[in-house]
Amino acid sequence: MHKRSLITNLLLCLTLVCFMAVAAPLPALSAEVIKIGVVNIQKVINESQKGKVEKEKLIKKFEQMRKDLDLRRAEIEKAKLELERQSSILAPDVRYDKEKTLKRKIRDFEDHYRDVNEQMKREEIKSTRPILEKLSQLITKYGQEKGYTLILEKNRSGVIYAPGTIDLTNELMKIYDASK
């Protein structure tokens, strides 16, 4: 019995080796060379000349919004301090009215703060959309011209490690800055 299972295992191994010897070279003959690159799109947006120009425009828009928020916050803090100082000498009904008014101002400020944050996000998306569209076109053209099989976004694709030799970020940033 032992001799029979040894012969069966030997024949199975021999069959497997023969199959591998015949089948393994077939895909190698027809396989293309796979060329993969990665690009850090966020870096291009933040560090390219065109990206920096857009970022400056956003900062200028956001500065006024932040000044308005800071003014409103200061008014609330001032009203809060004033109420704390006067609370012991105010009549209960007057104190209640002032507290109610302060709570309404705080609630309005919080609503306005959320609105401003949402507006800032929309503005950022609006300003980066043309950059992303142009960059996508450039990456596609670059990939086709240079024979890349695949170009991945470095941060969002799940790439944990990529050697510098396949990182195309700096080269594509130069091409993007040179484009019209």
N, C-alpha and C. Protein backbone atom coordinates (compact mmCIF):
# COMPACT_ATOMS: atom_id res chain seq x y z
N MET A 1 0.82 -1.18 0.00
CA MET A 1 0.00 0.00 0.00
C MET A 1 0.86 1.24 0.00
N HIS A 2 1.90 1.23 0.80
CA HIS A 2 2.79 2.38 0.89
C HIS A 2 3.50 2.60 -0.44
N LYS A 3 3.89 1.49 -1.10
CA LYS A 3 4.58 1.59 -2.37
C LYS A 3 3.65 2.18 -3.43
N ARG A 4 2.38 1.83 -3.37
CA ARG A 4 1.40 2.31 -4.34
C ARG A 4 1.18 3.83 -4.18
N SER A 5 1.05 4.35 -2.97
CA SER A 5 0.85 5.78 -2.76
C SER A 5 2.10 6.57 -3.13
N LEU A 6 3.26 5.97 -2.96
CA LEU A 6 4.51 6.63 -3.37
C LEU A 6 4.55 6.78 -4.88
N ILE A 7 4.16 5.75 -5.59
CA ILE A 7 4.14 5.79 -7.06
C ILE A 7 3.08 6.79 -7.53
N THR A 8 1.93 6.81 -6.89
CA THR A 8 0.87 7.75 -7.25
C THR A 8 1.34 9.19 -7.04
N ASN A 9 1.96 9.46 -5.91
CA ASN A 9 2.48 10.81 -5.63
C ASN A 9 3.56 11.20 -6.62
N LEU A 10 4.42 10.24 -6.97
CA LEU A 10 5.49 10.51 -7.93
C LEU A 10 4.90 10.83 -9.29
N LEU A 11 3.91 10.08 -9.72
CA LEU A 11 3.26 10.35 -11.01
C LEU A 11 2.54 11.70 -10.99
N LEU A 12 1.90 12.01 -9.90
CA LEU A 12 1.22 13.30 -9.77
C LEU A 12 2.22 14.45 -9.85
N CYS A 13 3.33 14.32 -9.18
CA CYS A 13 4.37 15.36 -9.21
C CYS A 13 4.96 15.49 -10.61
N LEU A 14 5.21 14.36 -11.27
CA LEU A 14 5.75 14.37 -12.62
C LEU A 14 4.78 15.05 -13.58
N THR A 15 3.51 14.75 -13.45
CA THR A 15 2.48 15.36 -14.29
C THR A 15 2.44 16.87 -14.06
N LEU A 16 2.50 17.28 -12.81
CA LEU A 16 2.49 18.70 -12.46
C LEU A 16 3.71 19.41 -13.02
N VAL A 17 4.87 18.82 -12.92
CA VAL A 17 6.10 19.41 -13.45
C VAL A 17 6.01 19.54 -14.97
N CYS A 18 5.51 18.50 -15.64
CA CYS A 18 5.36 18.56 -17.10
C CYS A 18 4.39 19.66 -17.51
N PHE A 19 3.28 19.75 -16.77
CA PHE A 19 2.30 20.79 -17.07
C PHE A 19 2.91 22.18 -16.90
N MET A 20 3.63 22.40 -15.82
CA MET A 20 4.27 23.68 -15.56
C MET A 20 5.31 24.01 -16.62
N ALA A 21 6.03 23.02 -17.06
CA ALA A 21 7.06 23.23 -18.08
C ALA A 21 6.44 23.65 -19.40
N VAL A 22 5.28 23.13 -19.71
CA VAL A 22 4.61 23.46 -20.97
C VAL A 22 3.82 24.76 -20.83
N ALA A 23 3.11 24.95 -19.74
CA ALA A 23 2.19 26.08 -19.60
C ALA A 23 2.87 27.36 -19.16
N ALA A 24 3.91 27.29 -18.40
CA ALA A 24 4.54 28.50 -17.85
C ALA A 24 5.08 29.43 -18.92
N PRO A 25 5.75 28.95 -19.96
CA PRO A 25 6.28 29.89 -20.95
C PRO A 25 5.21 30.54 -21.81
N LEU A 26 4.02 29.95 -21.93
CA LEU A 26 3.00 30.50 -22.81
C LEU A 26 2.59 31.92 -22.44
N PRO A 27 2.23 32.22 -21.19
CA PRO A 27 1.88 33.60 -20.87
C PRO A 27 3.06 34.55 -21.02
N ALA A 28 4.25 34.08 -20.77
CA ALA A 28 5.42 34.93 -20.86
C ALA A 28 5.63 35.39 -22.30
N LEU A 29 5.27 34.55 -23.26
CA LEU A 29 5.44 34.92 -24.66
C LEU A 29 4.48 36.03 -25.07
N SER A 30 3.27 36.00 -24.51
CA SER A 30 2.27 36.97 -24.93
C SER A 30 2.14 38.15 -23.96
N ALA A 31 2.79 38.11 -22.83
CA ALA A 31 2.63 39.16 -21.82
C ALA A 31 3.33 40.45 -22.25
N GLU A 32 2.67 41.56 -21.95
CA GLU A 32 3.26 42.87 -22.20
C GLU A 32 4.09 43.25 -20.98
N VAL A 33 4.99 44.18 -21.20
CA VAL A 33 5.75 44.72 -20.08
C VAL A 33 4.81 45.67 -19.34
N ILE A 34 4.70 45.47 -18.06
CA ILE A 34 3.82 46.32 -17.26
C ILE A 34 4.66 47.44 -16.67
N LYS A 35 4.23 48.66 -16.96
CA LYS A 35 4.94 49.84 -16.48
C LYS A 35 3.95 50.64 -15.62
N ILE A 36 4.31 50.81 -14.35
CA ILE A 36 3.42 51.47 -13.40
C ILE A 36 4.08 52.72 -12.85
N GLY A 37 3.30 53.78 -12.71
CA GLY A 37 3.78 55.02 -12.12
C GLY A 37 2.79 55.51 -11.09
N VAL A 38 3.26 56.39 -10.22
CA VAL A 38 2.39 57.01 -9.23
C VAL A 38 2.57 58.52 -9.29
N VAL A 39 1.53 59.24 -8.91
CA VAL A 39 1.61 60.70 -8.87
C VAL A 39 0.84 61.18 -7.64
N ASN A 40 1.41 62.13 -6.94
CA ASN A 40 0.79 62.73 -5.77
C ASN A 40 0.06 64.00 -6.25
N ILE A 41 -1.21 63.85 -6.53
CA ILE A 41 -1.99 64.96 -7.09
C ILE A 41 -2.10 66.12 -6.11
N GLN A 42 -2.24 65.83 -4.83
CA GLN A 42 -2.34 66.90 -3.84
C GLN A 42 -1.07 67.74 -3.83
N LYS A 43 0.08 67.10 -4.00
CA LYS A 43 1.35 67.83 -4.05
C LYS A 43 1.38 68.75 -5.26
N VAL A 44 0.89 68.25 -6.40
CA VAL A 44 0.86 69.08 -7.61
C VAL A 44 -0.04 70.29 -7.38
N ILE A 45 -1.20 70.07 -6.77
CA ILE A 45 -2.13 71.18 -6.51
C ILE A 45 -1.48 72.20 -5.57
N ASN A 46 -0.81 71.72 -4.53
CA ASN A 46 -0.24 72.63 -3.52
C ASN A 46 1.06 73.28 -3.94
N GLU A 47 1.88 72.61 -4.75
CA GLU A 47 3.23 73.10 -5.02
C GLU A 47 3.46 73.59 -6.45
N SER A 48 2.55 73.33 -7.37
CA SER A 48 2.74 73.83 -8.72
C SER A 48 2.48 75.33 -8.72
N GLN A 49 3.04 76.02 -9.69
CA GLN A 49 2.85 77.47 -9.76
C GLN A 49 1.38 77.83 -9.92
N LYS A 50 0.70 77.13 -10.81
CA LYS A 50 -0.72 77.40 -11.03
C LYS A 50 -1.54 77.07 -9.79
N GLY A 51 -1.19 76.01 -9.11
CA GLY A 51 -1.88 75.64 -7.88
C GLY A 51 -1.69 76.68 -6.80
N LYS A 52 -0.48 77.20 -6.70
CA LYS A 52 -0.19 78.24 -5.70
C LYS A 52 -0.99 79.51 -5.98
N VAL A 53 -1.14 79.86 -7.26
CA VAL A 53 -1.93 81.04 -7.63
C VAL A 53 -3.38 80.86 -7.19
N GLU A 54 -3.95 79.68 -7.46
CA GLU A 54 -5.32 79.41 -7.06
C GLU A 54 -5.46 79.43 -5.54
N LYS A 55 -4.46 78.88 -4.87
CA LYS A 55 -4.51 78.86 -3.40
C LYS A 55 -4.49 80.29 -2.83
N GLU A 56 -3.69 81.16 -3.42
CA GLU A 56 -3.65 82.56 -2.97
C GLU A 56 -5.00 83.24 -3.15
N LYS A 57 -5.65 82.97 -4.28
CA LYS A 57 -6.98 83.54 -4.52
C LYS A 57 -7.95 83.08 -3.43
N LEU A 58 -7.89 81.80 -3.11
CA LEU A 58 -8.77 81.26 -2.06
C LEU A 58 -8.48 81.90 -0.72
N ILE A 59 -7.21 82.04 -0.40
CA ILE A 59 -6.83 82.63 0.89
C ILE A 59 -7.39 84.04 1.00
N LYS A 60 -7.32 84.81 -0.07
CA LYS A 60 -7.86 86.18 -0.04
C LYS A 60 -9.36 86.18 0.18
N LYS A 61 -10.07 85.25 -0.48
CA LYS A 61 -11.52 85.15 -0.27
C LYS A 61 -11.83 84.76 1.17
N PHE A 62 -11.08 83.81 1.68
CA PHE A 62 -11.34 83.28 3.01
C PHE A 62 -10.98 84.27 4.10
N GLU A 63 -10.02 85.15 3.86
CA GLU A 63 -9.62 86.13 4.88
C GLU A 63 -10.79 86.99 5.30
N GLN A 64 -11.57 87.48 4.33
CA GLN A 64 -12.70 88.34 4.65
C GLN A 64 -13.75 87.57 5.44
N MET A 65 -13.97 86.32 5.06
CA MET A 65 -14.94 85.50 5.79
C MET A 65 -14.48 85.28 7.23
N ARG A 66 -13.20 85.03 7.40
CA ARG A 66 -12.66 84.81 8.74
C ARG A 66 -12.74 86.08 9.59
N LYS A 67 -12.48 87.23 8.97
CA LYS A 67 -12.57 88.50 9.70
C LYS A 67 -14.00 88.71 10.20
N ASP A 68 -14.96 88.41 9.34
CA ASP A 68 -16.37 88.54 9.73
C ASP A 68 -16.69 87.60 10.89
N LEU A 69 -16.22 86.35 10.80
CA LEU A 69 -16.45 85.40 11.90
C LEU A 69 -15.79 85.87 13.19
N ASP A 70 -14.57 86.36 13.08
CA ASP A 70 -13.86 86.85 14.27
C ASP A 70 -14.59 88.03 14.91
N LEU A 71 -15.13 88.92 14.10
CA LEU A 71 -15.90 90.06 14.62
C LEU A 71 -17.14 89.57 15.36
N ARG A 72 -17.86 88.64 14.77
CA ARG A 72 -19.07 88.11 15.41
C ARG A 72 -18.72 87.39 16.72
N ARG A 73 -17.63 86.63 16.68
CA ARG A 73 -17.20 85.92 17.89
C ARG A 73 -16.85 86.91 19.00
N ALA A 74 -16.15 87.97 18.64
CA ALA A 74 -15.76 88.99 19.63
C ALA A 74 -17.00 89.66 20.23
N GLU A 75 -18.00 89.93 19.41
CA GLU A 75 -19.24 90.54 19.90
C GLU A 75 -19.93 89.62 20.92
N ILE A 76 -19.94 88.34 20.60
CA ILE A 76 -20.56 87.37 21.52
C ILE A 76 -19.79 87.30 22.83
N GLU A 77 -18.47 87.24 22.74
CA GLU A 77 -17.65 87.20 23.96
C GLU A 77 -17.87 88.44 24.81
N LYS A 78 -17.96 89.59 24.14
CA LYS A 78 -18.19 90.85 24.87
C LYS A 78 -19.55 90.82 25.57
N ALA A 79 -20.58 90.36 24.86
CA ALA A 79 -21.92 90.28 25.45
C ALA A 79 -21.95 89.28 26.60
N LYS A 80 -21.21 88.20 26.45
CA LYS A 80 -21.15 87.18 27.50
C LYS A 80 -20.49 87.74 28.77
N LEU A 81 -19.37 88.44 28.60
CA LEU A 81 -18.69 89.05 29.74
C LEU A 81 -19.56 90.11 30.42
N GLU A 82 -20.23 90.90 29.60
CA GLU A 82 -21.12 91.94 30.11
C GLU A 82 -22.25 91.33 30.95
N LEU A 83 -22.81 90.24 30.45
CA LEU A 83 -23.88 89.57 31.17
C LEU A 83 -23.37 88.99 32.49
N GLU A 84 -22.17 88.40 32.47
CA GLU A 84 -21.60 87.84 33.70
C GLU A 84 -21.36 88.93 34.75
N ARG A 85 -20.86 90.07 34.26
CA ARG A 85 -20.59 91.17 35.20
C ARG A 85 -21.88 91.73 35.80
N GLN A 86 -22.93 91.80 34.99
CA GLN A 86 -24.16 92.44 35.44
C GLN A 86 -25.18 91.46 36.04
N SER A 87 -24.92 90.18 35.94
CA SER A 87 -25.95 89.20 36.34
C SER A 87 -26.40 89.35 37.79
N SER A 88 -25.52 89.76 38.67
CA SER A 88 -25.91 89.87 40.08
C SER A 88 -26.78 91.10 40.34
N ILE A 89 -26.68 92.11 39.51
CA ILE A 89 -27.46 93.33 39.76
C ILE A 89 -28.70 93.45 38.86
N LEU A 90 -28.82 92.55 37.87
CA LEU A 90 -29.97 92.62 36.96
C LEU A 90 -31.18 91.95 37.58
N ALA A 91 -32.32 92.49 37.24
CA ALA A 91 -33.59 91.87 37.65
C ALA A 91 -33.69 90.53 36.92
N PRO A 92 -34.30 89.54 37.55
CA PRO A 92 -34.37 88.20 36.95
C PRO A 92 -34.96 88.19 35.54
N ASP A 93 -36.02 88.97 35.31
CA ASP A 93 -36.63 88.97 33.98
C ASP A 93 -35.71 89.62 32.95
N VAL A 94 -34.97 90.64 33.31
CA VAL A 94 -34.02 91.30 32.40
C VAL A 94 -32.86 90.34 32.11
N ARG A 95 -32.37 89.70 33.17
CA ARG A 95 -31.27 88.73 32.99
C ARG A 95 -31.71 87.60 32.05
N TYR A 96 -32.94 87.12 32.24
CA TYR A 96 -33.47 86.06 31.40
C TYR A 96 -33.51 86.50 29.93
N ASP A 97 -33.99 87.73 29.70
CA ASP A 97 -34.05 88.26 28.32
C ASP A 97 -32.65 88.36 27.71
N LYS A 98 -31.70 88.84 28.49
CA LYS A 98 -30.32 88.97 27.99
C LYS A 98 -29.70 87.60 27.71
N GLU A 99 -29.96 86.63 28.58
CA GLU A 99 -29.45 85.27 28.36
C GLU A 99 -30.06 84.67 27.09
N LYS A 100 -31.35 84.90 26.91
CA LYS A 100 -32.05 84.40 25.74
C LYS A 100 -31.47 85.04 24.47
N THR A 101 -31.23 86.33 24.51
CA THR A 101 -30.65 87.04 23.37
C THR A 101 -29.25 86.52 23.08
N LEU A 102 -28.46 86.30 24.12
CA LEU A 102 -27.10 85.78 23.95
C LEU A 102 -27.13 84.38 23.34
N LYS A 103 -28.03 83.54 23.82
CA LYS A 103 -28.15 82.18 23.26
C LYS A 103 -28.52 82.23 21.78
N ARG A 104 -29.41 83.16 21.41
CA ARG A 104 -29.81 83.30 20.02
C ARG A 104 -28.61 83.75 19.17
N LYS A 105 -27.82 84.69 19.71
CA LYS A 105 -26.63 85.16 18.99
C LYS A 105 -25.62 84.01 18.80
N ILE A 106 -25.46 83.20 19.83
CA ILE A 106 -24.54 82.06 19.74
C ILE A 106 -25.05 81.06 18.70
N ARG A 107 -26.32 80.78 18.73
CA ARG A 107 -26.91 79.85 17.75
C ARG A 107 -26.77 80.40 16.32
N ASP A 108 -27.03 81.70 16.16
CA ASP A 108 -26.88 82.32 14.83
C ASP A 108 -25.42 82.27 14.37
N PHE A 109 -24.51 82.50 15.32
CA PHE A 109 -23.09 82.44 14.97
C PHE A 109 -22.70 81.04 14.52
N GLU A 110 -23.16 80.03 15.26
CA GLU A 110 -22.84 78.64 14.91
C GLU A 110 -23.39 78.28 13.53
N ASP A 111 -24.61 78.73 13.24
CA ASP A 111 -25.20 78.49 11.92
C ASP A 111 -24.38 79.18 10.83
N HIS A 112 -24.03 80.43 11.09
CA HIS A 112 -23.23 81.19 10.13
C HIS A 112 -21.85 80.54 9.94
N TYR A 113 -21.26 80.06 11.03
CA TYR A 113 -19.96 79.40 10.97
C TYR A 113 -20.03 78.16 10.07
N ARG A 114 -21.07 77.35 10.25
CA ARG A 114 -21.25 76.16 9.39
C ARG A 114 -21.44 76.56 7.93
N ASP A 115 -22.24 77.59 7.70
CA ASP A 115 -22.47 78.07 6.33
C ASP A 115 -21.17 78.53 5.68
N VAL A 116 -20.37 79.26 6.44
CA VAL A 116 -19.09 79.75 5.91
C VAL A 116 -18.16 78.57 5.60
N ASN A 117 -18.10 77.59 6.49
CA ASN A 117 -17.26 76.42 6.24
C ASN A 117 -17.70 75.67 4.99
N GLU A 118 -19.00 75.50 4.82
CA GLU A 118 -19.51 74.84 3.63
C GLU A 118 -19.19 75.64 2.38
N GLN A 119 -19.33 76.96 2.46
CA GLN A 119 -19.01 77.82 1.32
C GLN A 119 -17.52 77.73 0.99
N MET A 120 -16.68 77.69 2.00
CA MET A 120 -15.24 77.58 1.77
C MET A 120 -14.90 76.25 1.09
N LYS A 121 -15.55 75.17 1.51
CA LYS A 121 -15.32 73.87 0.86
C LYS A 121 -15.76 73.90 -0.59
N ARG A 122 -16.93 74.51 -0.85
CA ARG A 122 -17.41 74.61 -2.23
C ARG A 122 -16.45 75.43 -3.08
N GLU A 123 -15.96 76.52 -2.53
CA GLU A 123 -15.02 77.38 -3.27
C GLU A 123 -13.72 76.62 -3.57
N GLU A 124 -13.25 75.85 -2.59
CA GLU A 124 -12.03 75.08 -2.80
C GLU A 124 -12.22 74.03 -3.90
N ILE A 125 -13.35 73.35 -3.87
CA ILE A 125 -13.64 72.36 -4.92
C ILE A 125 -13.74 73.05 -6.27
N LYS A 126 -14.41 74.18 -6.29
CA LYS A 126 -14.59 74.93 -7.54
C LYS A 126 -13.24 75.38 -8.11
N SER A 127 -12.33 75.78 -7.25
CA SER A 127 -11.03 76.28 -7.73
C SER A 127 -10.09 75.14 -8.13
N THR A 128 -10.23 73.97 -7.51
CA THR A 128 -9.33 72.86 -7.84
C THR A 128 -9.84 72.00 -8.99
N ARG A 129 -11.13 72.07 -9.28
CA ARG A 129 -11.70 71.25 -10.36
C ARG A 129 -10.98 71.46 -11.69
N PRO A 130 -10.77 72.70 -12.14
CA PRO A 130 -10.05 72.88 -13.42
C PRO A 130 -8.62 72.32 -13.38
N ILE A 131 -7.97 72.43 -12.24
CA ILE A 131 -6.62 71.89 -12.09
C ILE A 131 -6.66 70.37 -12.25
N LEU A 132 -7.61 69.74 -11.56
CA LEU A 132 -7.73 68.28 -11.63
C LEU A 132 -8.07 67.80 -13.04
N GLU A 133 -8.94 68.53 -13.71
CA GLU A 133 -9.32 68.14 -15.07
C GLU A 133 -8.12 68.24 -16.01
N LYS A 134 -7.40 69.35 -15.93
CA LYS A 134 -6.22 69.54 -16.78
C LYS A 134 -5.16 68.50 -16.44
N LEU A 135 -4.95 68.28 -15.17
CA LEU A 135 -3.95 67.31 -14.72
C LEU A 135 -4.31 65.90 -15.19
N SER A 136 -5.58 65.56 -15.15
CA SER A 136 -6.02 64.25 -15.62
C SER A 136 -5.71 64.07 -17.10
N GLN A 137 -5.95 65.11 -17.88
CA GLN A 137 -5.63 65.07 -19.32
C GLN A 137 -4.13 64.90 -19.54
N LEU A 138 -3.34 65.66 -18.79
CA LEU A 138 -1.89 65.59 -18.93
C LEU A 138 -1.35 64.22 -18.51
N ILE A 139 -1.89 63.67 -17.45
CA ILE A 139 -1.44 62.35 -16.97
C ILE A 139 -1.78 61.29 -18.01
N THR A 140 -2.98 61.36 -18.56
CA THR A 140 -3.38 60.39 -19.60
C THR A 140 -2.45 60.49 -20.80
N LYS A 141 -2.22 61.70 -21.27
CA LYS A 141 -1.33 61.90 -22.42
C LYS A 141 0.08 61.42 -22.10
N TYR A 142 0.57 61.77 -20.94
CA TYR A 142 1.92 61.37 -20.51
C TYR A 142 2.02 59.85 -20.45
N GLY A 143 1.02 59.21 -19.86
CA GLY A 143 1.01 57.76 -19.74
C GLY A 143 1.02 57.08 -21.09
N GLN A 144 0.24 57.60 -22.02
CA GLN A 144 0.20 57.02 -23.37
C GLN A 144 1.54 57.22 -24.09
N GLU A 145 2.08 58.42 -24.00
CA GLU A 145 3.34 58.71 -24.70
C GLU A 145 4.52 57.93 -24.13
N LYS A 146 4.53 57.73 -22.82
CA LYS A 146 5.66 57.06 -22.17
C LYS A 146 5.45 55.56 -22.00
N GLY A 147 4.32 55.05 -22.45
CA GLY A 147 4.08 53.61 -22.42
C GLY A 147 3.71 53.04 -21.06
N TYR A 148 3.04 53.83 -20.23
CA TYR A 148 2.62 53.34 -18.92
C TYR A 148 1.37 52.49 -19.05
N THR A 149 1.34 51.40 -18.34
CA THR A 149 0.16 50.55 -18.28
C THR A 149 -0.83 51.14 -17.30
N LEU A 150 -0.29 51.71 -16.23
CA LEU A 150 -1.12 52.18 -15.13
C LEU A 150 -0.41 53.32 -14.40
N ILE A 151 -1.15 54.40 -14.13
CA ILE A 151 -0.63 55.48 -13.28
C ILE A 151 -1.64 55.66 -12.15
N LEU A 152 -1.17 55.48 -10.93
CA LEU A 152 -2.03 55.54 -9.74
C LEU A 152 -1.83 56.86 -9.00
N GLU A 153 -2.91 57.32 -8.33
CA GLU A 153 -2.79 58.45 -7.44
C GLU A 153 -2.13 57.92 -6.17
N LYS A 154 -1.03 58.49 -5.79
CA LYS A 154 -0.20 57.94 -4.73
C LYS A 154 -0.90 57.84 -3.38
N ASN A 155 -1.66 58.84 -3.01
CA ASN A 155 -2.24 58.86 -1.66
C ASN A 155 -3.58 58.15 -1.56
N ARG A 156 -4.38 58.17 -2.58
CA ARG A 156 -5.74 57.63 -2.48
C ARG A 156 -5.88 56.21 -3.03
N SER A 157 -4.87 55.69 -3.67
CA SER A 157 -5.00 54.38 -4.30
C SER A 157 -4.63 53.25 -3.36
N GLY A 158 -4.21 53.58 -2.19
CA GLY A 158 -3.80 52.54 -1.26
C GLY A 158 -2.34 52.17 -1.41
N VAL A 159 -1.58 52.97 -2.17
CA VAL A 159 -0.16 52.69 -2.34
C VAL A 159 0.53 52.99 -1.01
N ILE A 160 1.14 51.98 -0.45
CA ILE A 160 1.84 52.14 0.81
C ILE A 160 3.32 52.44 0.55
N TYR A 161 3.86 51.80 -0.45
CA TYR A 161 5.25 52.03 -0.80
C TYR A 161 5.36 52.12 -2.31
N ALA A 162 6.14 53.06 -2.75
CA ALA A 162 6.46 53.18 -4.17
C ALA A 162 7.86 53.77 -4.25
N PRO A 163 8.77 53.11 -4.95
CA PRO A 163 10.12 53.67 -5.06
C PRO A 163 10.07 54.97 -5.86
N GLY A 164 11.02 55.83 -5.59
CA GLY A 164 11.08 57.12 -6.26
C GLY A 164 11.16 57.01 -7.77
N THR A 165 11.65 55.90 -8.25
CA THR A 165 11.80 55.75 -9.70
C THR A 165 10.47 55.70 -10.43
N ILE A 166 9.38 55.35 -9.75
CA ILE A 166 8.09 55.33 -10.42
C ILE A 166 7.21 56.52 -10.03
N ASP A 167 7.72 57.40 -9.16
CA ASP A 167 6.97 58.58 -8.75
C ASP A 167 7.11 59.66 -9.82
N LEU A 168 6.03 59.98 -10.46
CA LEU A 168 6.02 60.92 -11.59
C LEU A 168 5.60 62.33 -11.17
N THR A 169 5.38 62.55 -9.89
CA THR A 169 4.81 63.81 -9.40
C THR A 169 5.59 65.03 -9.88
N ASN A 170 6.88 65.08 -9.63
CA ASN A 170 7.66 66.27 -9.97
C ASN A 170 7.70 66.51 -11.48
N GLU A 171 7.83 65.44 -12.25
CA GLU A 171 7.86 65.58 -13.70
C GLU A 171 6.52 66.09 -14.23
N LEU A 172 5.43 65.54 -13.70
CA LEU A 172 4.10 65.98 -14.14
C LEU A 172 3.79 67.40 -13.66
N MET A 173 4.34 67.79 -12.51
CA MET A 173 4.14 69.15 -12.02
C MET A 173 4.80 70.14 -12.99
N LYS A 174 5.98 69.81 -13.48
CA LYS A 174 6.66 70.68 -14.45
C LYS A 174 5.86 70.78 -15.73
N ILE A 175 5.34 69.65 -16.20
CA ILE A 175 4.53 69.64 -17.43
C ILE A 175 3.27 70.46 -17.22
N TYR A 176 2.64 70.33 -16.05
CA TYR A 176 1.42 71.08 -15.75
C TYR A 176 1.71 72.58 -15.72
N ASP A 177 2.78 72.97 -15.05
CA ASP A 177 3.12 74.39 -14.99
C ASP A 177 3.43 74.96 -16.37
N ALA A 178 3.98 74.16 -17.25
CA ALA A 178 4.32 74.61 -18.60
C ALA A 178 3.11 74.63 -19.53
N SER A 179 2.02 73.96 -19.14
CA SER A 179 0.83 73.90 -20.00
C SER A 179 0.07 75.21 -19.92
N LYS A 180 -0.80 75.40 -20.91
CA LYS A 180 -1.62 76.62 -20.95
C LYS A 180 -2.96 76.39 -20.37
